[in-house]
C-alpha atoms as a PDB file:
ATOM      1  CA  MET A   1      76.113 145.047 111.950  1.00  0.00           C
ATOM      2  CA  PRO A   2      73.840 142.760 113.909  1.00  0.00           C
ATOM      3  CA  GLU A   3      71.824 143.400 116.890  1.00  0.00           C
ATOM      4  CA  LEU A   4      73.188 143.033 119.703  1.00  0.00           C
ATOM      5  CA  ARG A   5      71.526 140.875 122.886  1.00  0.00           C
ATOM      6  CA  TYR A   6      72.221 141.004 126.056  1.00  0.00           C
ATOM      7  CA  PHE A   7      71.513 138.542 128.530  1.00  0.00           C
ATOM      8  CA  ASP A   8      71.359 138.623 132.680  1.00  0.00           C
ATOM      9  CA  THR A   9      74.116 137.283 134.128  1.00  0.00           C
ATOM     10  CA  ALA A  10      73.535 137.628 137.945  1.00  0.00           C
ATOM     11  CA  LYS A  11      70.373 135.358 137.303  1.00  0.00           C
ATOM     12  CA  ALA A  12      72.667 132.602 135.780  1.00  0.00           C
ATOM     13  CA  GLU A  13      74.632 132.824 138.597  1.00  0.00           C
ATOM     14  CA  LYS A  14      72.303 132.671 141.437  1.00  0.00           C
ATOM     15  CA  ASP A  15      71.929 129.165 143.067  1.00  0.00           C
ATOM     16  CA  THR A  16      68.127 127.933 142.332  1.00  0.00           C
ATOM     17  CA  PRO A  17      67.226 125.661 144.783  1.00  0.00           C
ATOM     18  CA  VAL A  18      66.531 122.128 143.217  1.00  0.00           C
ATOM     19  CA  THR A  19      62.705 121.451 143.503  1.00  0.00           C
ATOM     20  CA  LYS A  20      61.517 117.812 144.166  1.00  0.00           C
ATOM     21  CA  THR A  21      59.208 117.668 140.754  1.00  0.00           C
ATOM     22  CA  GLY A  22      61.810 118.491 137.943  1.00  0.00           C
ATOM     23  CA  VAL A  23      60.349 120.105 134.875  1.00  0.00           C
ATOM     24  CA  HIS A  24      60.583 116.957 132.840  1.00  0.00           C
ATOM     25  CA  THR A  25      58.704 115.409 134.975  1.00  0.00           C
ATOM     26  CA  GLU A  26      56.130 117.577 135.131  1.00  0.00           C
ATOM     27  CA  PHE A  27      55.732 117.088 131.111  1.00  0.00           C
ATOM     28  CA  LEU A  28      55.581 113.553 131.489  1.00  0.00           C
ATOM     29  CA  ARG A  29      52.720 113.913 134.116  1.00  0.00           C
ATOM     30  CA  THR A  30      51.010 116.550 132.502  1.00  0.00           C
ATOM     31  CA  GLY A  31      51.943 117.285 129.251  1.00  0.00           C
ATOM     32  CA  ARG A  32      53.098 120.648 129.435  1.00  0.00           C
ATOM     33  CA  ILE A  33      55.950 122.802 130.914  1.00  0.00           C
ATOM     34  CA  THR A  34      55.351 125.250 133.473  1.00  0.00           C
ATOM     35  CA  ARG A  35      56.978 128.313 133.767  1.00  0.00           C
ATOM     36  CA  ARG A  36      57.378 129.565 137.151  1.00  0.00           C
ATOM     37  CA  GLY A  37      59.837 131.193 138.840  1.00  0.00           C
ATOM     38  CA  ASP A  38      61.567 128.999 141.127  1.00  0.00           C
ATOM     39  CA  ASP A  39      61.990 126.037 138.266  1.00  0.00           C
ATOM     40  CA  TRP A  40      63.793 127.971 135.999  1.00  0.00           C
ATOM     41  CA  HIS A  41      67.537 126.219 135.400  1.00  0.00           C
ATOM     42  CA  PRO A  42      70.404 128.342 136.352  1.00  0.00           C
ATOM     43  CA  ALA A  43      72.195 128.071 133.124  1.00  0.00           C
ATOM     44  CA  GLU A  44      69.094 129.336 130.852  1.00  0.00           C
ATOM     45  CA  LYS A  45      69.445 132.744 130.084  1.00  0.00           C
ATOM     46  CA  ARG A  46      67.309 135.859 130.678  1.00  0.00           C
ATOM     47  CA  TYR A  47      67.703 138.028 127.920  1.00  0.00           C
ATOM     48  CA  LEU A  48      67.726 141.947 128.689  1.00  0.00           C
ATOM     49  CA  THR A  49      65.869 144.950 126.736  1.00  0.00           C
ATOM     50  CA  HIS A  50      68.273 147.539 125.058  1.00  0.00           C
ATOM     51  CA  LYS A  51      66.296 149.912 127.334  1.00  0.00           C
ATOM     52  CA  GLU A  52      67.060 147.548 130.372  1.00  0.00           C
ATOM     53  CA  VAL A  53      70.605 147.728 129.401  1.00  0.00           C
ATOM     54  CA  ALA A  54      70.471 151.477 128.893  1.00  0.00           C
ATOM     55  CA  GLU A  55      68.977 152.164 132.504  1.00  0.00           C
ATOM     56  CA  ARG A  56      71.977 150.266 133.944  1.00  0.00           C
ATOM     57  CA  THR A  57      74.805 151.611 131.676  1.00  0.00           C
ATOM     58  CA  GLY A  58      73.139 155.091 132.772  1.00  0.00           C
ATOM     59  CA  ARG A  59      73.194 154.142 136.862  1.00  0.00           C
ATOM     60  CA  LYS A  60      76.971 153.491 136.542  1.00  0.00           C
ATOM     61  CA  LEU A  61      77.875 155.964 134.571  1.00  0.00           C
ATOM     62  CA  GLU A  62      76.150 158.467 136.737  1.00  0.00           C
ATOM     63  CA  ALA A  63      77.528 157.235 139.805  1.00  0.00           C
ATOM     64  CA  ALA A  64      81.143 157.229 138.151  1.00  0.00           C
ATOM     65  CA  GLY A  65      80.354 161.111 137.416  1.00  0.00           C
ATOM     66  CA  SER A  66      79.009 162.069 141.105  1.00  0.00           C
ATOM     67  CA  GLN A  67      82.471 160.249 142.590  1.00  0.00           C
ATOM     68  CA  ALA A  68      84.837 162.002 140.177  1.00  0.00           C
ATOM     69  CA  HIS A  69      82.658 165.322 140.512  1.00  0.00           C
ATOM     70  CA  GLU A  70      83.215 165.198 144.478  1.00  0.00           C
ATOM     71  CA  ARG A  71      87.285 164.490 144.305  1.00  0.00           C
ATOM     72  CA  ILE A  72      87.592 167.672 142.158  1.00  0.00           C
ATOM     73  CA  ASN A  73      85.964 169.655 144.658  1.00  0.00           C
ATOM     74  CA  SER A  74      87.709 168.292 147.686  1.00  0.00           C
ATOM     75  CA  PHE A  75      90.738 169.266 146.311  1.00  0.00           C
ATOM     76  CA  HIS A  76      90.934 173.240 147.035  1.00  0.00           C
ATOM     77  CA  ALA A  77      88.563 175.536 148.234  1.00  0.00           C
ATOM     78  CA  SER A  78      89.456 177.818 145.649  1.00  0.00           C
ATOM     79  CA  ILE A  79      88.133 175.535 143.068  1.00  0.00           C
ATOM     80  CA  ARG A  80      84.711 174.536 142.747  1.00  0.00           C
ATOM     81  CA  PHE A  81      82.676 173.262 139.922  1.00  0.00           C
ATOM     82  CA  PRO A  82      79.148 172.653 139.709  1.00  0.00           C
ATOM     83  CA  LYS A  83      77.533 169.440 139.331  1.00  0.00           C
ATOM     84  CA  ILE A  84      76.006 169.006 135.988  1.00  0.00           C
ATOM     85  CA  VAL A  85      75.665 165.093 136.494  1.00  0.00           C
ATOM     86  CA  TYR A  86      73.784 163.539 133.044  1.00  0.00           C
ATOM     87  CA  HIS A  87      74.204 160.780 130.722  1.00  0.00           C
ATOM     88  CA  ARG A  88      73.956 159.353 127.261  1.00  0.00           C
ATOM     89  CA  THR A  89      74.232 155.969 125.967  1.00  0.00           C
ATOM     90  CA  LEU A  90      74.759 155.169 122.401  1.00  0.00           C
ATOM     91  CA  SER A  91      72.660 154.034 119.663  1.00  0.00           C
ATOM     92  CA  GLY A  92      72.359 150.601 119.176  1.00  0.00           C
ATOM     93  CA  ARG A  93      75.461 149.563 121.756  1.00  0.00           C
ATOM     94  CA  PRO A  94      73.540 150.798 125.351  1.00  0.00           C
ATOM     95  CA  HIS A  95      76.240 148.919 126.935  1.00  0.00           C
ATOM     96  CA  LEU A  96      78.351 151.994 125.924  1.00  0.00           C
ATOM     97  CA  GLY A  97      77.785 155.574 127.229  1.00  0.00           C
ATOM     98  CA  TYR A  98      79.391 158.815 128.539  1.00  0.00           C
ATOM     99  CA  CYS A  99      78.542 160.656 131.475  1.00  0.00           C
ATOM    100  CA  HIS A 100      78.523 164.719 131.507  1.00  0.00           C
ATOM    101  CA  VAL A 101      79.859 165.502 134.732  1.00  0.00           C
ATOM    102  CA  THR A 102      80.614 169.297 135.087  1.00  0.00           C
ATOM    103  CA  SER A 103      81.107 172.284 132.910  1.00  0.00           C
ATOM    104  CA  ALA A 104      82.930 175.783 133.564  1.00  0.00           C
ATOM    105  CA  LYS A 105      84.655 178.389 131.689  1.00  0.00           C
ATOM    106  CA  THR A 106      88.367 179.391 131.798  1.00  0.00           C
ATOM    107  CA  LYS A 107      91.770 180.668 129.627  1.00  0.00           C
ATOM    108  CA  PHE A 108      92.960 178.139 127.317  1.00  0.00           C
ATOM    109  CA  ALA A 109      96.173 179.143 125.639  1.00  0.00           C
ATOM    110  CA  GLU A 110      95.463 182.258 123.463  1.00  0.00           C
ATOM    111  CA  PHE A 111      91.859 182.036 124.002  1.00  0.00           C
ATOM    112  CA  ASP A 112      90.424 184.022 127.232  1.00  0.00           C
ATOM    113  CA  ASP A 113      86.951 182.469 127.742  1.00  0.00           C
ATOM    114  CA  VAL A 114      86.770 179.199 126.614  1.00  0.00           C
ATOM    115  CA  ARG A 115      83.774 177.192 127.926  1.00  0.00           C
ATOM    116  CA  TRP A 116      84.124 173.546 128.443  1.00  0.00           C
ATOM    117  CA  SER A 117      82.677 170.521 129.346  1.00  0.00           C
ATOM    118  CA  PHE A 118      84.213 167.383 131.191  1.00  0.00           C
ATOM    119  CA  TYR A 119      83.022 163.729 130.366  1.00  0.00           C
ATOM    120  CA  ILE A 120      84.169 160.151 131.082  1.00  0.00           C
ATOM    121  CA  ALA A 121      83.064 157.647 129.207  1.00  0.00           C
ATOM    122  CA  ASN A 122      83.305 153.936 129.206  1.00  0.00           C
ATOM    123  CA  PHE A 123      84.919 153.383 126.100  1.00  0.00           C
ATOM    124  CA  PHE A 124      87.669 154.676 124.504  1.00  0.00           C
ATOM    125  CA  ALA A 125      87.295 156.741 120.877  1.00  0.00           C
ATOM    126  CA  ASP A 126      88.200 159.905 119.318  1.00  0.00           C
ATOM    127  CA  VAL A 127      85.813 163.276 118.999  1.00  0.00           C
ATOM    128  CA  SER A 128      84.565 163.592 115.605  1.00  0.00           C
ATOM    129  CA  ASP A 129      85.239 166.465 113.446  1.00  0.00           C
ATOM    130  CA  LYS A 130      81.484 165.906 112.003  1.00  0.00           C
ATOM    131  CA  ASP A 131      78.132 165.826 113.406  1.00  0.00           C
ATOM    132  CA  LEU A 132      78.236 162.647 115.375  1.00  0.00           C
ATOM    133  CA  PHE A 133      80.022 162.943 118.583  1.00  0.00           C
ATOM    134  CA  PHE A 134      82.114 159.996 118.202  1.00  0.00           C
ATOM    135  CA  LYS A 135      84.208 158.192 115.813  1.00  0.00           C
ATOM    136  CA  ASN A 136      86.885 155.082 115.749  1.00  0.00           C
ATOM    137  CA  ILE A 137      85.068 153.508 118.734  1.00  0.00           C
ATOM    138  CA  SER A 138      87.479 150.650 120.515  1.00  0.00           C
ATOM    139  CA  LEU A 139      85.526 148.042 120.865  1.00  0.00           C
ATOM    140  CA  GLY A 140      87.970 146.703 123.789  1.00  0.00           C
ATOM    141  CA  TYR A 141      87.319 147.551 127.586  1.00  0.00           C
ATOM    142  CA  SER A 142      88.524 150.975 128.346  1.00  0.00           C
ATOM    143  CA  ARG A 143      87.455 154.191 129.724  1.00  0.00           C
ATOM    144  CA  MET A 144      88.068 157.815 128.613  1.00  0.00           C
ATOM    145  CA  PHE A 145      88.459 161.235 130.719  1.00  0.00           C
ATOM    146  CA  PHE A 146      88.116 164.097 128.454  1.00  0.00           C
ATOM    147  CA  ALA A 147      86.891 167.998 127.987  1.00  0.00           C
ATOM    148  CA  VAL A 148      85.622 168.926 125.136  1.00  0.00           C
ATOM    149  CA  ALA A 149      85.471 173.087 124.369  1.00  0.00           C
ATOM    150  CA  MET A 150      81.757 174.303 123.867  1.00  0.00           C
ATOM    151  CA  GLU A 151      79.804 177.321 122.390  1.00  0.00           C
ATOM    152  CA  ARG A 152      76.129 178.326 121.526  1.00  0.00           C
ATOM    153  CA  ASP A 153      75.325 177.520 118.259  1.00  0.00           C
ATOM    154  CA  ALA A 154      73.398 180.913 117.152  1.00  0.00           C
ATOM    155  CA  GLU A 155      70.824 179.317 114.939  1.00  0.00           C
ATOM    156  CA  GLU A 156      69.988 176.003 116.682  1.00  0.00           C
ATOM    157  CA  GLY A 157      70.039 177.934 120.401  1.00  0.00           C
ATOM    158  CA  LYS A 158      72.037 174.880 121.880  1.00  0.00           C
ATOM    159  CA  LEU A 159      75.812 174.025 122.975  1.00  0.00           C
ATOM    160  CA  VAL A 160      77.851 172.160 120.352  1.00  0.00           C
ATOM    161  CA  VAL A 161      81.406 171.667 119.748  1.00  0.00           C
ATOM    162  CA  ASP A 162      83.884 174.735 119.440  1.00  0.00           C
ATOM    163  CA  ARG A 163      86.090 173.780 116.885  1.00  0.00           C
ATOM    164  CA  LYS A 164      88.037 176.983 116.975  1.00  0.00           C
ATOM    165  CA  ILE A 165      90.615 175.577 119.352  1.00  0.00           C
ATOM    166  CA  ARG A 166      91.125 172.441 117.544  1.00  0.00           C
ATOM    167  CA  ASP A 167      89.661 170.514 115.128  1.00  0.00           C
ATOM    168  CA  ASP A 168      87.918 168.401 117.421  1.00  0.00           C
ATOM    169  CA  GLY A 169      87.178 170.456 120.520  1.00  0.00           C
ATOM    170  CA  LEU A 170      89.176 168.595 122.968  1.00  0.00           C
ATOM    171  CA  LEU A 171      91.279 170.292 125.649  1.00  0.00           C
ATOM    172  CA  PHE A 172      92.686 166.676 126.804  1.00  0.00           C
ATOM    173  CA  ARG A 173      91.465 163.153 126.321  1.00  0.00           C
ATOM    174  CA  THR A 174      92.930 160.252 128.823  1.00  0.00           C
ATOM    175  CA  ARG A 175      92.510 156.956 130.020  1.00  0.00           C
ATOM    176  CA  ASP A 176      94.763 157.612 133.427  1.00  0.00           C
ATOM    177  CA  PRO A 177      92.154 159.172 136.040  1.00  0.00           C
ATOM    178  CA  LYS A 178      94.730 161.028 137.737  1.00  0.00           C
ATOM    179  CA  ALA A 179      95.655 162.457 134.868  1.00  0.00           C
ATOM    180  CA  ALA A 180      92.491 163.209 134.066  1.00  0.00           C
ATOM    181  CA  LEU A 181      91.827 164.621 137.830  1.00  0.00           C
ATOM    182  CA  LYS A 182      94.731 167.007 137.272  1.00  0.00           C
ATOM    183  CA  ASN A 183      93.872 168.187 133.774  1.00  0.00           C
ATOM    184  CA  VAL A 184      90.213 169.126 135.166  1.00  0.00           C
ATOM    185  CA  LEU A 185      91.998 170.873 138.140  1.00  0.00           C
ATOM    186  CA  MET A 186      94.269 172.866 135.592  1.00  0.00           C
ATOM    187  CA  LEU A 187      91.049 174.287 134.012  1.00  0.00           C
ATOM    188  CA  GLY A 188      89.468 175.353 137.051  1.00  0.00           C
ATOM    189  CA  ALA A 189      92.974 176.818 138.859  1.00  0.00           C
ATOM    190  CA  VAL A 190      92.567 180.504 139.419  1.00  0.00           C
ATOM    191  CA  ASN A 191      96.113 182.382 139.817  1.00  0.00           C
ATOM    192  CA  GLU A 192      99.869 180.632 138.588  1.00  0.00           C
ATOM    193  CA  SER A 193     100.737 179.308 142.048  1.00  0.00           C
ATOM    194  CA  LEU A 194      97.895 177.123 141.866  1.00  0.00           C
ATOM    195  CA  ARG A 195      98.859 175.788 138.896  1.00  0.00           C
ATOM    196  CA  LYS A 196     102.231 175.319 140.156  1.00  0.00           C
ATOM    197  CA  ILE A 197     100.947 173.085 143.004  1.00  0.00           C
ATOM    198  CA  ILE A 198      98.339 171.238 140.499  1.00  0.00           C
ATOM    199  CA  GLN A 199     101.393 170.968 138.154  1.00  0.00           C
ATOM    200  CA  LYS A 200     103.734 168.787 141.314  1.00  0.00           C
ATOM    201  CA  LEU A 201     100.429 166.138 141.241  1.00  0.00           C
END
């Protein structure tokens, strides 16, 4: 796959003031083209580095993650999740990334003590059953809210996807923010009466 290039659309959209001496006039007069900040034509593109794109993507993802955490914790006093917001961008595609919002433990199906993490992604994909985290990434504009069961790897000493519950470890995955909120609240509900209230949402 060829390396993607990104350009700054904000710079292209700005109305730059027209200078009295145009670039072509300066070239004819002096034989040089000077590149000052005010004589770039608005249609010219300033290409962004992958690092700049990743930083912009990260800021947007973490803002969405913080907002999602506030919404989850404002539902009911007995449902509180820790704020653990951080992001990752995909290698070679820095405009695509995902944000970790929170982690907790819950009872899920026949499993009594399931550790899970809730994420938001600015793309839609399947969670891989291999070492790579995502597969079948949708190239169209989309988003994904999902929770993954996690466990500590005894050998490596880090959290990995818990595949005992399901092959991909997914507890839920949706494009709908309302459905995602409902699913996270169900995972955090402390009793059956609260679960019934959440199910009616």
